[in-house]
mmCIF file of all heavy atoms, coordinates in Angstrom:
data_MODEL
# 
_entry.id   MODEL 
# 
loop_
_atom_site.group_PDB 
_atom_site.id 
_atom_site.type_symbol 
_atom_site.label_atom_id 
_atom_site.label_alt_id 
_atom_site.label_comp_id 
_atom_site.label_asym_id 
_atom_site.label_entity_id 
_atom_site.label_seq_id 
_atom_site.pdbx_PDB_ins_code 
_atom_site.Cartn_x 
_atom_site.Cartn_y 
_atom_site.Cartn_z 
_atom_site.occupancy 
_atom_site.B_iso_or_equiv 
_atom_site.pdbx_formal_charge 
_atom_site.auth_seq_id 
_atom_site.auth_comp_id 
_atom_site.auth_asym_id 
_atom_site.auth_atom_id 
_atom_site.pdbx_PDB_model_num 
ATOM 1   N N   . LEU A 1 1  ? -13.872 17.169  -10.055 1.00 0.00 ? 1  LEU A N   1 
ATOM 2   C CA  . LEU A 1 1  ? -13.387 17.038  -11.426 1.00 0.00 ? 1  LEU A CA  1 
ATOM 3   C C   . LEU A 1 1  ? -14.310 17.719  -12.429 1.00 0.00 ? 1  LEU A C   1 
ATOM 4   O O   . LEU A 1 1  ? -15.505 17.419  -12.481 1.00 0.00 ? 1  LEU A O   1 
ATOM 5   C CB  . LEU A 1 1  ? -13.273 15.544  -11.791 1.00 0.00 ? 1  LEU A CB  1 
ATOM 6   C CG  . LEU A 1 1  ? -12.586 14.642  -10.756 1.00 0.00 ? 1  LEU A CG  1 
ATOM 7   C CD1 . LEU A 1 1  ? -12.638 13.195  -11.214 1.00 0.00 ? 1  LEU A CD1 1 
ATOM 8   C CD2 . LEU A 1 1  ? -11.156 15.094  -10.521 1.00 0.00 ? 1  LEU A CD2 1 
ATOM 9   N N   . ASP A 1 2  ? -13.747 18.619  -13.232 1.00 0.00 ? 2  ASP A N   1 
ATOM 10  C CA  . ASP A 1 2  ? -14.509 19.196  -14.339 1.00 0.00 ? 2  ASP A CA  1 
ATOM 11  C C   . ASP A 1 2  ? -14.798 18.151  -15.413 1.00 0.00 ? 2  ASP A C   1 
ATOM 12  O O   . ASP A 1 2  ? -15.842 18.183  -16.054 1.00 0.00 ? 2  ASP A O   1 
ATOM 13  C CB  . ASP A 1 2  ? -13.720 20.342  -14.992 1.00 0.00 ? 2  ASP A CB  1 
ATOM 14  C CG  . ASP A 1 2  ? -13.991 21.678  -14.339 1.00 0.00 ? 2  ASP A CG  1 
ATOM 15  O OD1 . ASP A 1 2  ? -14.839 21.729  -13.420 1.00 0.00 ? 2  ASP A OD1 1 
ATOM 16  O OD2 . ASP A 1 2  ? -13.366 22.672  -14.742 1.00 0.00 ? 2  ASP A OD2 1 
ATOM 17  N N   . SER A 1 3  ? -13.835 17.253  -15.627 1.00 0.00 ? 3  SER A N   1 
ATOM 18  C CA  . SER A 1 3  ? -13.986 16.242  -16.673 1.00 0.00 ? 3  SER A CA  1 
ATOM 19  C C   . SER A 1 3  ? -13.568 14.885  -16.140 1.00 0.00 ? 3  SER A C   1 
ATOM 20  O O   . SER A 1 3  ? -12.379 14.616  -15.964 1.00 0.00 ? 3  SER A O   1 
ATOM 21  C CB  . SER A 1 3  ? -13.142 16.593  -17.903 1.00 0.00 ? 3  SER A CB  1 
ATOM 22  O OG  . SER A 1 3  ? -13.127 15.513  -18.827 1.00 0.00 ? 3  SER A OG  1 
ATOM 23  N N   . ASN A 1 4  ? -14.546 14.042  -15.899 1.00 0.00 ? 4  ASN A N   1 
ATOM 24  C CA  . ASN A 1 4  ? -14.290 12.680  -15.447 1.00 0.00 ? 4  ASN A CA  1 
ATOM 25  C C   . ASN A 1 4  ? -13.341 11.933  -16.407 1.00 0.00 ? 4  ASN A C   1 
ATOM 26  O O   . ASN A 1 4  ? -12.314 11.397  -15.972 1.00 0.00 ? 4  ASN A O   1 
ATOM 27  C CB  . ASN A 1 4  ? -15.642 11.957  -15.301 1.00 0.00 ? 4  ASN A CB  1 
ATOM 28  C CG  . ASN A 1 4  ? -15.528 10.525  -14.812 1.00 0.00 ? 4  ASN A CG  1 
ATOM 29  O OD1 . ASN A 1 4  ? -14.445 10.007  -14.558 1.00 0.00 ? 4  ASN A OD1 1 
ATOM 30  N ND2 . ASN A 1 4  ? -16.665 9.873   -14.696 1.00 0.00 ? 4  ASN A ND2 1 
ATOM 31  N N   . PRO A 1 5  ? -13.632 11.900  -17.722 1.00 0.00 ? 5  PRO A N   1 
ATOM 32  C CA  . PRO A 1 5  ? -12.749 11.126  -18.605 1.00 0.00 ? 5  PRO A CA  1 
ATOM 33  C C   . PRO A 1 5  ? -11.343 11.690  -18.713 1.00 0.00 ? 5  PRO A C   1 
ATOM 34  O O   . PRO A 1 5  ? -10.377 10.920  -18.831 1.00 0.00 ? 5  PRO A O   1 
ATOM 35  C CB  . PRO A 1 5  ? -13.465 11.153  -19.963 1.00 0.00 ? 5  PRO A CB  1 
ATOM 36  C CG  . PRO A 1 5  ? -14.411 12.291  -19.889 1.00 0.00 ? 5  PRO A CG  1 
ATOM 37  C CD  . PRO A 1 5  ? -14.814 12.401  -18.455 1.00 0.00 ? 5  PRO A CD  1 
ATOM 38  N N   . GLU A 1 6  ? -11.180 13.001  -18.678 1.00 0.00 ? 6  GLU A N   1 
ATOM 39  C CA  . GLU A 1 6  ? -9.834  13.568  -18.790 1.00 0.00 ? 6  GLU A CA  1 
ATOM 40  C C   . GLU A 1 6  ? -9.007  13.284  -17.542 1.00 0.00 ? 6  GLU A C   1 
ATOM 41  O O   . GLU A 1 6  ? -7.803  13.024  -17.635 1.00 0.00 ? 6  GLU A O   1 
ATOM 42  C CB  . GLU A 1 6  ? -9.902  15.070  -19.078 1.00 0.00 ? 6  GLU A CB  1 
ATOM 43  C CG  . GLU A 1 6  ? -10.354 15.375  -20.502 1.00 0.00 ? 6  GLU A CG  1 
ATOM 44  C CD  . GLU A 1 6  ? -10.357 16.864  -20.816 1.00 0.00 ? 6  GLU A CD  1 
ATOM 45  O OE1 . GLU A 1 6  ? -9.857  17.658  -19.984 1.00 0.00 ? 6  GLU A OE1 1 
ATOM 46  O OE2 . GLU A 1 6  ? -10.869 17.233  -21.891 1.00 0.00 ? 6  GLU A OE2 1 
ATOM 47  N N   . PHE A 1 7  ? -9.634  13.316  -16.368 1.00 0.00 ? 7  PHE A N   1 
ATOM 48  C CA  . PHE A 1 7  ? -8.891  12.983  -15.154 1.00 0.00 ? 7  PHE A CA  1 
ATOM 49  C C   . PHE A 1 7  ? -8.558  11.487  -15.128 1.00 0.00 ? 7  PHE A C   1 
ATOM 50  O O   . PHE A 1 7  ? -7.423  11.096  -14.811 1.00 0.00 ? 7  PHE A O   1 
ATOM 51  C CB  . PHE A 1 7  ? -9.678  13.368  -13.903 1.00 0.00 ? 7  PHE A CB  1 
ATOM 52  C CG  . PHE A 1 7  ? -8.901  13.161  -12.631 1.00 0.00 ? 7  PHE A CG  1 
ATOM 53  C CD1 . PHE A 1 7  ? -8.005  14.118  -12.187 1.00 0.00 ? 7  PHE A CD1 1 
ATOM 54  C CD2 . PHE A 1 7  ? -9.042  12.000  -11.892 1.00 0.00 ? 7  PHE A CD2 1 
ATOM 55  C CE1 . PHE A 1 7  ? -7.264  13.930  -11.024 1.00 0.00 ? 7  PHE A CE1 1 
ATOM 56  C CE2 . PHE A 1 7  ? -8.305  11.790  -10.733 1.00 0.00 ? 7  PHE A CE2 1 
ATOM 57  C CZ  . PHE A 1 7  ? -7.416  12.765  -10.296 1.00 0.00 ? 7  PHE A CZ  1 
ATOM 58  N N   . THR A 1 8  ? -9.540  10.656  -15.469 1.00 0.00 ? 8  THR A N   1 
ATOM 59  C CA  . THR A 1 8  ? -9.291  9.212   -15.556 1.00 0.00 ? 8  THR A CA  1 
ATOM 60  C C   . THR A 1 8  ? -8.142  8.928   -16.512 1.00 0.00 ? 8  THR A C   1 
ATOM 61  O O   . THR A 1 8  ? -7.242  8.123   -16.215 1.00 0.00 ? 8  THR A O   1 
ATOM 62  C CB  . THR A 1 8  ? -10.561 8.485   -16.028 1.00 0.00 ? 8  THR A CB  1 
ATOM 63  O OG1 . THR A 1 8  ? -11.623 8.735   -15.098 1.00 0.00 ? 8  THR A OG1 1 
ATOM 64  C CG2 . THR A 1 8  ? -10.338 6.978   -16.140 1.00 0.00 ? 8  THR A CG2 1 
ATOM 65  N N   . ALA A 1 9  ? -8.147  9.614   -17.656 1.00 0.00 ? 9  ALA A N   1 
ATOM 66  C CA  . ALA A 1 9  ? -7.083  9.438   -18.646 1.00 0.00 ? 9  ALA A CA  1 
ATOM 67  C C   . ALA A 1 9  ? -5.725  9.823   -18.081 1.00 0.00 ? 9  ALA A C   1 
ATOM 68  O O   . ALA A 1 9  ? -4.713  9.159   -18.349 1.00 0.00 ? 9  ALA A O   1 
ATOM 69  C CB  . ALA A 1 9  ? -7.395  10.274  -19.893 1.00 0.00 ? 9  ALA A CB  1 
ATOM 70  N N   . SER A 1 10 ? -5.693  10.884  -17.288 1.00 0.00 ? 10 SER A N   1 
ATOM 71  C CA  . SER A 1 10 ? -4.427  11.338  -16.709 1.00 0.00 ? 10 SER A CA  1 
ATOM 72  C C   . SER A 1 10 ? -3.853  10.301  -15.744 1.00 0.00 ? 10 SER A C   1 
ATOM 73  O O   . SER A 1 10 ? -2.633  10.092  -15.697 1.00 0.00 ? 10 SER A O   1 
ATOM 74  C CB  . SER A 1 10 ? -4.631  12.672  -15.991 1.00 0.00 ? 10 SER A CB  1 
ATOM 75  O OG  . SER A 1 10 ? -5.022  13.672  -16.912 1.00 0.00 ? 10 SER A OG  1 
ATOM 76  N N   . VAL A 1 11 ? -4.727  9.643   -14.993 1.00 0.00 ? 11 VAL A N   1 
ATOM 77  C CA  . VAL A 1 11 ? -4.268  8.569   -14.112 1.00 0.00 ? 11 VAL A CA  1 
ATOM 78  C C   . VAL A 1 11 ? -3.747  7.396   -14.940 1.00 0.00 ? 11 VAL A C   1 
ATOM 79  O O   . VAL A 1 11 ? -2.665  6.846   -14.680 1.00 0.00 ? 11 VAL A O   1 
ATOM 80  C CB  . VAL A 1 11 ? -5.404  8.098   -13.181 1.00 0.00 ? 11 VAL A CB  1 
ATOM 81  C CG1 . VAL A 1 11 ? -4.929  6.940   -12.303 1.00 0.00 ? 11 VAL A CG1 1 
ATOM 82  C CG2 . VAL A 1 11 ? -5.922  9.241   -12.319 1.00 0.00 ? 11 VAL A CG2 1 
ATOM 83  N N   . ILE A 1 12 ? -4.495  7.018   -15.961 1.00 0.00 ? 12 ILE A N   1 
ATOM 84  C CA  . ILE A 1 12 ? -4.115  5.878   -16.800 1.00 0.00 ? 12 ILE A CA  1 
ATOM 85  C C   . ILE A 1 12 ? -2.755  6.108   -17.453 1.00 0.00 ? 12 ILE A C   1 
ATOM 86  O O   . ILE A 1 12 ? -1.913  5.202   -17.504 1.00 0.00 ? 12 ILE A O   1 
ATOM 87  C CB  . ILE A 1 12 ? -5.192  5.626   -17.875 1.00 0.00 ? 12 ILE A CB  1 
ATOM 88  C CG1 . ILE A 1 12 ? -6.466  5.087   -17.222 1.00 0.00 ? 12 ILE A CG1 1 
ATOM 89  C CG2 . ILE A 1 12 ? -4.694  4.656   -18.941 1.00 0.00 ? 12 ILE A CG2 1 
ATOM 90  C CD1 . ILE A 1 12 ? -7.652  5.014   -18.168 1.00 0.00 ? 12 ILE A CD1 1 
ATOM 91  N N   . VAL A 1 13 ? -2.518  7.311   -17.957 1.00 0.00 ? 13 VAL A N   1 
ATOM 92  C CA  . VAL A 1 13 ? -1.263  7.593   -18.651 1.00 0.00 ? 13 VAL A CA  1 
ATOM 93  C C   . VAL A 1 13 ? -0.075  7.495   -17.688 1.00 0.00 ? 13 VAL A C   1 
ATOM 94  O O   . VAL A 1 13 ? 1.000   6.989   -18.052 1.00 0.00 ? 13 VAL A O   1 
ATOM 95  C CB  . VAL A 1 13 ? -1.338  8.965   -19.352 1.00 0.00 ? 13 VAL A CB  1 
ATOM 96  C CG1 . VAL A 1 13 ? 0.034   9.462   -19.756 1.00 0.00 ? 13 VAL A CG1 1 
ATOM 97  C CG2 . VAL A 1 13 ? -2.240  8.858   -20.586 1.00 0.00 ? 13 VAL A CG2 1 
ATOM 98  N N   . ALA A 1 14 ? -0.247  7.942   -16.445 1.00 0.00 ? 14 ALA A N   1 
ATOM 99  C CA  . ALA A 1 14 ? 0.829   7.790   -15.460 1.00 0.00 ? 14 ALA A CA  1 
ATOM 100 C C   . ALA A 1 14 ? 1.125   6.312   -15.212 1.00 0.00 ? 14 ALA A C   1 
ATOM 101 O O   . ALA A 1 14 ? 2.288   5.899   -15.135 1.00 0.00 ? 14 ALA A O   1 
ATOM 102 C CB  . ALA A 1 14 ? 0.450   8.485   -14.155 1.00 0.00 ? 14 ALA A CB  1 
ATOM 103 N N   . TYR A 1 15 ? 0.078   5.514   -15.119 1.00 0.00 ? 15 TYR A N   1 
ATOM 104 C CA  . TYR A 1 15 ? 0.277   4.081   -14.897 1.00 0.00 ? 15 TYR A CA  1 
ATOM 105 C C   . TYR A 1 15 ? 0.760   3.361   -16.154 1.00 0.00 ? 15 TYR A C   1 
ATOM 106 O O   . TYR A 1 15 ? 1.393   2.300   -16.065 1.00 0.00 ? 15 TYR A O   1 
ATOM 107 C CB  . TYR A 1 15 ? -0.997  3.442   -14.337 1.00 0.00 ? 15 TYR A CB  1 
ATOM 108 C CG  . TYR A 1 15 ? -1.075  3.600   -12.841 1.00 0.00 ? 15 TYR A CG  1 
ATOM 109 C CD1 . TYR A 1 15 ? -1.698  4.703   -12.268 1.00 0.00 ? 15 TYR A CD1 1 
ATOM 110 C CD2 . TYR A 1 15 ? -0.490  2.668   -11.994 1.00 0.00 ? 15 TYR A CD2 1 
ATOM 111 C CE1 . TYR A 1 15 ? -1.745  4.873   -10.892 1.00 0.00 ? 15 TYR A CE1 1 
ATOM 112 C CE2 . TYR A 1 15 ? -0.529  2.829   -10.613 1.00 0.00 ? 15 TYR A CE2 1 
ATOM 113 C CZ  . TYR A 1 15 ? -1.152  3.930   -10.070 1.00 0.00 ? 15 TYR A CZ  1 
ATOM 114 O OH  . TYR A 1 15 ? -1.174  4.092   -8.709  1.00 0.00 ? 15 TYR A OH  1 
ATOM 115 N N   . ALA A 1 16 ? 0.487   3.935   -17.321 1.00 0.00 ? 16 ALA A N   1 
ATOM 116 C CA  . ALA A 1 16 ? 1.055   3.369   -18.546 1.00 0.00 ? 16 ALA A CA  1 
ATOM 117 C C   . ALA A 1 16 ? 2.579   3.447   -18.509 1.00 0.00 ? 16 ALA A C   1 
ATOM 118 O O   . ALA A 1 16 ? 3.278   2.534   -18.975 1.00 0.00 ? 16 ALA A O   1 
ATOM 119 C CB  . ALA A 1 16 ? 0.505   4.110   -19.768 1.00 0.00 ? 16 ALA A CB  1 
ATOM 120 N N   . ARG A 1 17 ? 3.090   4.538   -17.951 1.00 0.00 ? 17 ARG A N   1 
ATOM 121 C CA  . ARG A 1 17 ? 4.551   4.663   -17.777 1.00 0.00 ? 17 ARG A CA  1 
ATOM 122 C C   . ARG A 1 17 ? 5.062   3.536   -16.871 1.00 0.00 ? 17 ARG A C   1 
ATOM 123 O O   . ARG A 1 17 ? 6.104   2.922   -17.142 1.00 0.00 ? 17 ARG A O   1 
ATOM 124 C CB  . ARG A 1 17 ? 4.882   6.025   -17.182 1.00 0.00 ? 17 ARG A CB  1 
ATOM 125 C CG  . ARG A 1 17 ? 6.385   6.223   -16.919 1.00 0.00 ? 17 ARG A CG  1 
ATOM 126 C CD  . ARG A 1 17 ? 6.673   7.568   -16.271 1.00 0.00 ? 17 ARG A CD  1 
ATOM 127 N NE  . ARG A 1 17 ? 6.433   8.668   -17.196 1.00 0.00 ? 17 ARG A NE  1 
ATOM 128 C CZ  . ARG A 1 17 ? 5.454   9.572   -17.052 1.00 0.00 ? 17 ARG A CZ  1 
ATOM 129 N NH1 . ARG A 1 17 ? 4.618   9.486   -16.020 1.00 0.00 ? 17 ARG A NH1 1 
ATOM 130 N NH2 . ARG A 1 17 ? 5.294   10.537  -17.932 1.00 0.00 ? 17 ARG A NH2 1 
ATOM 131 N N   . ALA A 1 18 ? 4.316   3.252   -15.809 1.00 0.00 ? 18 ALA A N   1 
ATOM 132 C CA  . ALA A 1 18 ? 4.709   2.170   -14.906 1.00 0.00 ? 18 ALA A CA  1 
ATOM 133 C C   . ALA A 1 18 ? 4.703   0.829   -15.630 1.00 0.00 ? 18 ALA A C   1 
ATOM 134 O O   . ALA A 1 18 ? 5.624   0.013   -15.463 1.00 0.00 ? 18 ALA A O   1 
ATOM 135 C CB  . ALA A 1 18 ? 3.764   2.124   -13.701 1.00 0.00 ? 18 ALA A CB  1 
ATOM 136 N N   . ALA A 1 19 ? 3.682   0.592   -16.441 1.00 0.00 ? 19 ALA A N   1 
ATOM 137 C CA  . ALA A 1 19 ? 3.595   -0.678  -17.179 1.00 0.00 ? 19 ALA A CA  1 
ATOM 138 C C   . ALA A 1 19 ? 4.794   -0.840  -18.107 1.00 0.00 ? 19 ALA A C   1 
ATOM 139 O O   . ALA A 1 19 ? 5.386   -1.926  -18.204 1.00 0.00 ? 19 ALA A O   1 
ATOM 140 C CB  . ALA A 1 19 ? 2.294   -0.724  -17.978 1.00 0.00 ? 19 ALA A CB  1 
ATOM 141 N N   . TYR A 1 20 ? 5.166   0.245   -18.778 1.00 0.00 ? 20 TYR A N   1 
ATOM 142 C CA  . TYR A 1 20 ? 6.314   0.231   -19.694 1.00 0.00 ? 20 TYR A CA  1 
ATOM 143 C C   . TYR A 1 20 ? 7.604   -0.106  -18.938 1.00 0.00 ? 20 TYR A C   1 
ATOM 144 O O   . TYR A 1 20 ? 8.397   -0.955  -19.374 1.00 0.00 ? 20 TYR A O   1 
ATOM 145 C CB  . TYR A 1 20 ? 6.410   1.604   -20.367 1.00 0.00 ? 20 TYR A CB  1 
ATOM 146 C CG  . TYR A 1 20 ? 7.627   1.824   -21.215 1.00 0.00 ? 20 TYR A CG  1 
ATOM 147 C CD1 . TYR A 1 20 ? 7.864   1.047   -22.340 1.00 0.00 ? 20 TYR A CD1 1 
ATOM 148 C CD2 . TYR A 1 20 ? 8.531   2.840   -20.909 1.00 0.00 ? 20 TYR A CD2 1 
ATOM 149 C CE1 . TYR A 1 20 ? 8.978   1.272   -23.144 1.00 0.00 ? 20 TYR A CE1 1 
ATOM 150 C CE2 . TYR A 1 20 ? 9.644   3.067   -21.697 1.00 0.00 ? 20 TYR A CE2 1 
ATOM 151 C CZ  . TYR A 1 20 ? 9.863   2.281   -22.817 1.00 0.00 ? 20 TYR A CZ  1 
ATOM 152 O OH  . TYR A 1 20 ? 10.965  2.501   -23.604 1.00 0.00 ? 20 TYR A OH  1 
ATOM 153 N N   . ARG A 1 21 ? 7.801   0.531   -17.793 1.00 0.00 ? 21 ARG A N   1 
ATOM 154 C CA  . ARG A 1 21 ? 9.016   0.292   -17.017 1.00 0.00 ? 21 ARG A CA  1 
ATOM 155 C C   . ARG A 1 21 ? 9.061   -1.138  -16.473 1.00 0.00 ? 21 ARG A C   1 
ATOM 156 O O   . ARG A 1 21 ? 10.117  -1.778  -16.443 1.00 0.00 ? 21 ARG A O   1 
ATOM 157 C CB  . ARG A 1 21 ? 9.100   1.299   -15.871 1.00 0.00 ? 21 ARG A CB  1 
ATOM 158 C CG  . ARG A 1 21 ? 9.407   2.709   -16.353 1.00 0.00 ? 21 ARG A CG  1 
ATOM 159 C CD  . ARG A 1 21 ? 9.384   3.690   -15.204 1.00 0.00 ? 21 ARG A CD  1 
ATOM 160 N NE  . ARG A 1 21 ? 9.898   4.994   -15.621 1.00 0.00 ? 21 ARG A NE  1 
ATOM 161 C CZ  . ARG A 1 21 ? 9.886   6.078   -14.854 1.00 0.00 ? 21 ARG A CZ  1 
ATOM 162 N NH1 . ARG A 1 21 ? 9.405   6.016   -13.632 1.00 0.00 ? 21 ARG A NH1 1 
ATOM 163 N NH2 . ARG A 1 21 ? 10.363  7.218   -15.305 1.00 0.00 ? 21 ARG A NH2 1 
ATOM 164 N N   . MET A 1 22 ? 7.917   -1.630  -16.029 1.00 0.00 ? 22 MET A N   1 
ATOM 165 C CA  . MET A 1 22 ? 7.868   -2.983  -15.484 1.00 0.00 ? 22 MET A CA  1 
ATOM 166 C C   . MET A 1 22 ? 8.159   -4.020  -16.573 1.00 0.00 ? 22 MET A C   1 
ATOM 167 O O   . MET A 1 22 ? 8.849   -5.009  -16.318 1.00 0.00 ? 22 MET A O   1 
ATOM 168 C CB  . MET A 1 22 ? 6.499   -3.220  -14.831 1.00 0.00 ? 22 MET A CB  1 
ATOM 169 C CG  . MET A 1 22 ? 6.282   -2.348  -13.601 1.00 0.00 ? 22 MET A CG  1 
ATOM 170 S SD  . MET A 1 22 ? 4.561   -2.199  -13.097 1.00 0.00 ? 22 MET A SD  1 
ATOM 171 C CE  . MET A 1 22 ? 4.352   -3.700  -12.185 1.00 0.00 ? 22 MET A CE  1 
ATOM 172 N N   . LYS A 1 23 ? 7.635   -3.769  -17.761 1.00 0.00 ? 23 LYS A N   1 
ATOM 173 C CA  . LYS A 1 23 ? 7.935   -4.670  -18.880 1.00 0.00 ? 23 LYS A CA  1 
ATOM 174 C C   . LYS A 1 23 ? 9.434   -4.649  -19.188 1.00 0.00 ? 23 LYS A C   1 
ATOM 175 O O   . LYS A 1 23 ? 10.054  -5.705  -19.428 1.00 0.00 ? 23 LYS A O   1 
ATOM 176 C CB  . LYS A 1 23 ? 7.129   -4.243  -20.114 1.00 0.00 ? 23 LYS A CB  1 
ATOM 177 C CG  . LYS A 1 23 ? 7.452   -5.021  -21.414 1.00 0.00 ? 23 LYS A CG  1 
ATOM 178 C CD  . LYS A 1 23 ? 7.022   -6.470  -21.322 1.00 0.00 ? 23 LYS A CD  1 
ATOM 179 C CE  . LYS A 1 23 ? 7.422   -7.258  -22.577 1.00 0.00 ? 23 LYS A CE  1 
ATOM 180 N NZ  . LYS A 1 23 ? 6.624   -6.934  -23.747 1.00 0.00 ? 23 LYS A NZ  1 
ATOM 181 N N   . GLN A 1 24 ? 10.038  -3.464  -19.162 1.00 0.00 ? 24 GLN A N   1 
ATOM 182 C CA  . GLN A 1 24 ? 11.473  -3.353  -19.419 1.00 0.00 ? 24 GLN A CA  1 
ATOM 183 C C   . GLN A 1 24 ? 12.294  -4.119  -18.388 1.00 0.00 ? 24 GLN A C   1 
ATOM 184 O O   . GLN A 1 24 ? 13.366  -4.632  -18.689 1.00 0.00 ? 24 GLN A O   1 
ATOM 185 C CB  . GLN A 1 24 ? 11.897  -1.880  -19.419 1.00 0.00 ? 24 GLN A CB  1 
ATOM 186 C CG  . GLN A 1 24 ? 11.485  -1.111  -20.662 1.00 0.00 ? 24 GLN A CG  1 
ATOM 187 C CD  . GLN A 1 24 ? 12.054  0.302   -20.643 1.00 0.00 ? 24 GLN A CD  1 
ATOM 188 O OE1 . GLN A 1 24 ? 11.928  1.014   -19.645 1.00 0.00 ? 24 GLN A OE1 1 
ATOM 189 N NE2 . GLN A 1 24 ? 12.664  0.707   -21.732 1.00 0.00 ? 24 GLN A NE2 1 
ATOM 190 N N   . GLU A 1 25 ? 11.782  -4.200  -17.161 1.00 0.00 ? 25 GLU A N   1 
ATOM 191 C CA  . GLU A 1 25 ? 12.489  -4.907  -16.096 1.00 0.00 ? 25 GLU A CA  1 
ATOM 192 C C   . GLU A 1 25 ? 12.233  -6.418  -16.106 1.00 0.00 ? 25 GLU A C   1 
ATOM 193 O O   . GLU A 1 25 ? 12.725  -7.134  -15.242 1.00 0.00 ? 25 GLU A O   1 
ATOM 194 C CB  . GLU A 1 25 ? 12.096  -4.326  -14.736 1.00 0.00 ? 25 GLU A CB  1 
ATOM 195 C CG  . GLU A 1 25 ? 12.624  -2.906  -14.530 1.00 0.00 ? 25 GLU A CG  1 
ATOM 196 C CD  . GLU A 1 25 ? 12.229  -2.323  -13.176 1.00 0.00 ? 25 GLU A CD  1 
ATOM 197 O OE1 . GLU A 1 25 ? 11.694  -3.088  -12.327 1.00 0.00 ? 25 GLU A OE1 1 
ATOM 198 O OE2 . GLU A 1 25 ? 12.438  -1.123  -12.967 1.00 0.00 ? 25 GLU A OE2 1 
ATOM 199 N N   . GLY A 1 26 ? 11.430  -6.866  -17.066 1.00 0.00 ? 26 GLY A N   1 
ATOM 200 C CA  . GLY A 1 26 ? 11.205  -8.296  -17.207 1.00 0.00 ? 26 GLY A CA  1 
ATOM 201 C C   . GLY A 1 26 ? 10.007  -8.841  -16.455 1.00 0.00 ? 26 GLY A C   1 
ATOM 202 O O   . GLY A 1 26 ? 9.812   -10.058 -16.384 1.00 0.00 ? 26 GLY A O   1 
# 
């Protein structure tokens, strides 16, 4: 990784999508 925080952020943002969908499903 050239940038630890940018890669970490990219993982987090993908999982943020999962959190949003899971909340929508109740």
